[in-house]
């Protein structure tokens, strides 16, 4: 899911915009709406989409990275970090790699899920 569709800024809120972005991304990660490995929009792109200054979004990203919700991979961009214990984090990484492979093979979701179900039963 695209993070931009998950963020709704409230201009009447007492919370500053960077905090609204930060908390809504954290909520989306915690609820599973954003999964590990999801690519975050660039700071400039999200700032443009939300009508914010790039520095505001950059601050939210810095705080999200400091709290372990996203990781920045240099010029490759920012991505949602795996959450939970070590086993869950490893499973999230494996699921992300699997999803990338399925997309590159042009298989649909139902085919991919059938393959996973069969592999787990084997």
Protein backbone atom coordinates (compact mmCIF):
# COMPACT_ATOMS: atom_id res chain seq x y z
CA UNK A 1 0.00 0.00 0.00
CA UNK A 2 1.22 3.50 -0.74
CA UNK A 3 2.15 5.46 2.37
CA UNK A 4 0.72 8.65 0.86
CA UNK A 5 -2.78 7.20 1.00
CA UNK A 6 -2.31 6.40 4.70
CA UNK A 7 -1.44 9.90 5.87
CA UNK A 8 -4.13 12.49 6.50
CA UNK A 9 -2.88 15.71 8.02
CA UNK A 10 -5.18 17.63 10.34
CA UNK A 11 -4.41 21.36 10.19
CA UNK A 12 -6.48 21.89 13.35
CA UNK A 13 -4.43 19.36 15.33
CA UNK A 14 -2.18 20.54 18.14
CA UNK A 15 0.43 18.05 16.91
CA UNK A 16 2.90 19.56 14.44
CA UNK A 17 2.85 18.14 10.89
CA UNK A 18 6.13 16.19 11.28
CA UNK A 19 4.63 14.44 14.33
CA UNK A 20 1.43 13.63 12.45
CA UNK A 21 3.46 12.08 9.62
CA UNK A 22 5.68 10.18 12.07
CA UNK A 23 2.83 8.79 14.16
CA UNK A 24 0.69 7.83 11.17
CA UNK A 25 3.57 5.95 9.53
CA UNK A 26 4.27 4.18 12.85
CA UNK A 27 0.59 3.23 13.12
CA UNK A 28 0.57 1.93 9.53
CA UNK A 29 3.65 -0.22 10.20
CA UNK A 30 2.27 -1.49 13.51
CA UNK A 31 -1.09 -2.39 11.95
CA UNK A 32 0.52 -4.15 8.98
CA UNK A 33 -0.79 -1.65 6.43
CA UNK A 34 2.88 -0.98 5.59
CA UNK A 35 4.97 -4.14 5.53
CA UNK A 36 8.70 -4.62 5.93
CA UNK A 37 10.53 -3.77 2.75
CA UNK A 38 7.90 -1.32 1.50
CA UNK A 39 9.61 1.56 -0.24
CA UNK A 40 8.89 4.96 1.27
CA UNK A 41 8.40 7.92 -1.06
CA UNK A 42 11.29 10.34 -1.26
CA UNK A 43 11.21 13.22 1.18
CA UNK A 44 10.54 15.69 -1.62
CA UNK A 45 7.80 13.54 -3.15
CA UNK A 46 5.95 13.06 0.14
CA UNK A 47 6.38 16.74 1.01
CA UNK A 48 4.87 17.73 -2.36
CA UNK A 49 2.01 15.27 -2.00
CA UNK A 50 1.17 16.45 1.52
CA UNK A 51 1.79 20.15 0.89
CA UNK A 52 4.60 20.29 3.45
CA UNK A 53 8.12 21.67 3.45
CA UNK A 54 10.76 19.01 2.69
CA UNK A 55 12.42 19.74 6.04
CA UNK A 56 9.21 18.76 7.84
CA UNK A 57 9.09 15.36 6.15
CA UNK A 58 12.86 14.93 6.58
CA UNK A 59 12.44 15.41 10.33
CA UNK A 60 9.68 12.79 10.43
CA UNK A 61 11.91 10.37 8.47
CA UNK A 62 14.86 10.99 10.82
CA UNK A 63 12.70 10.23 13.83
CA UNK A 64 11.19 7.15 12.18
CA UNK A 65 14.69 5.90 11.40
CA UNK A 66 15.91 6.60 14.93
CA UNK A 67 13.02 4.57 16.34
CA UNK A 68 13.62 1.67 13.94
CA UNK A 69 10.51 2.00 11.80
CA UNK A 70 12.33 2.83 8.57
CA UNK A 71 15.85 2.40 7.27
CA UNK A 72 17.60 4.56 4.72
CA UNK A 73 19.81 2.86 2.17
CA UNK A 74 21.65 5.85 0.78
CA UNK A 75 20.65 6.68 -2.79
CA UNK A 76 18.41 3.60 -2.92
CA UNK A 77 15.88 5.33 -0.68
CA UNK A 78 14.05 4.61 2.55
CA UNK A 79 12.22 1.39 3.36
CA UNK A 80 10.00 0.07 6.14
CA UNK A 81 12.16 -1.90 8.59
CA UNK A 82 11.24 -5.37 9.82
CA UNK A 83 9.52 -5.27 13.22
CA UNK A 84 9.16 -7.74 16.09
CA UNK A 85 11.50 -10.41 17.38
CA UNK A 86 14.38 -11.84 15.33
CA UNK A 87 12.33 -14.71 13.88
CA UNK A 88 9.54 -12.38 12.75
CA UNK A 89 12.08 -9.96 11.26
CA UNK A 90 13.71 -12.78 9.30
CA UNK A 91 10.29 -13.98 8.09
CA UNK A 92 9.38 -10.44 7.00
CA UNK A 93 12.62 -10.21 4.99
CA UNK A 94 11.94 -13.59 3.39
CA UNK A 95 8.36 -12.58 2.54
CA UNK A 96 9.58 -9.35 0.95
CA UNK A 97 12.16 -11.22 -1.14
CA UNK A 98 9.50 -13.75 -2.17
CA UNK A 99 7.07 -11.00 -3.18
CA UNK A 100 9.75 -9.31 -5.28
CA UNK A 101 10.52 -12.59 -7.03
CA UNK A 102 6.82 -13.28 -7.69
CA UNK A 103 6.39 -9.81 -9.22
CA UNK A 104 9.43 -10.33 -11.46
CA UNK A 105 7.90 -13.62 -12.67
CA UNK A 106 4.56 -11.89 -13.38
CA UNK A 107 2.60 -14.34 -11.24
CA UNK A 108 -0.60 -13.20 -9.60
CA UNK A 109 -1.31 -13.15 -5.87
CA UNK A 110 -3.50 -16.27 -5.92
CA UNK A 111 -0.77 -18.30 -7.63
CA UNK A 112 1.83 -17.02 -5.16
CA UNK A 113 -0.32 -17.86 -2.15
CA UNK A 114 -1.04 -21.35 -3.52
CA UNK A 115 2.72 -21.92 -3.88
CA UNK A 116 3.36 -20.77 -0.33
CA UNK A 117 0.56 -22.94 1.07
CA UNK A 118 1.88 -25.99 -0.76
CA UNK A 119 5.45 -25.32 0.42
CA UNK A 120 4.33 -24.91 4.04
CA UNK A 121 2.36 -28.19 3.91
CA UNK A 122 5.31 -30.11 2.41
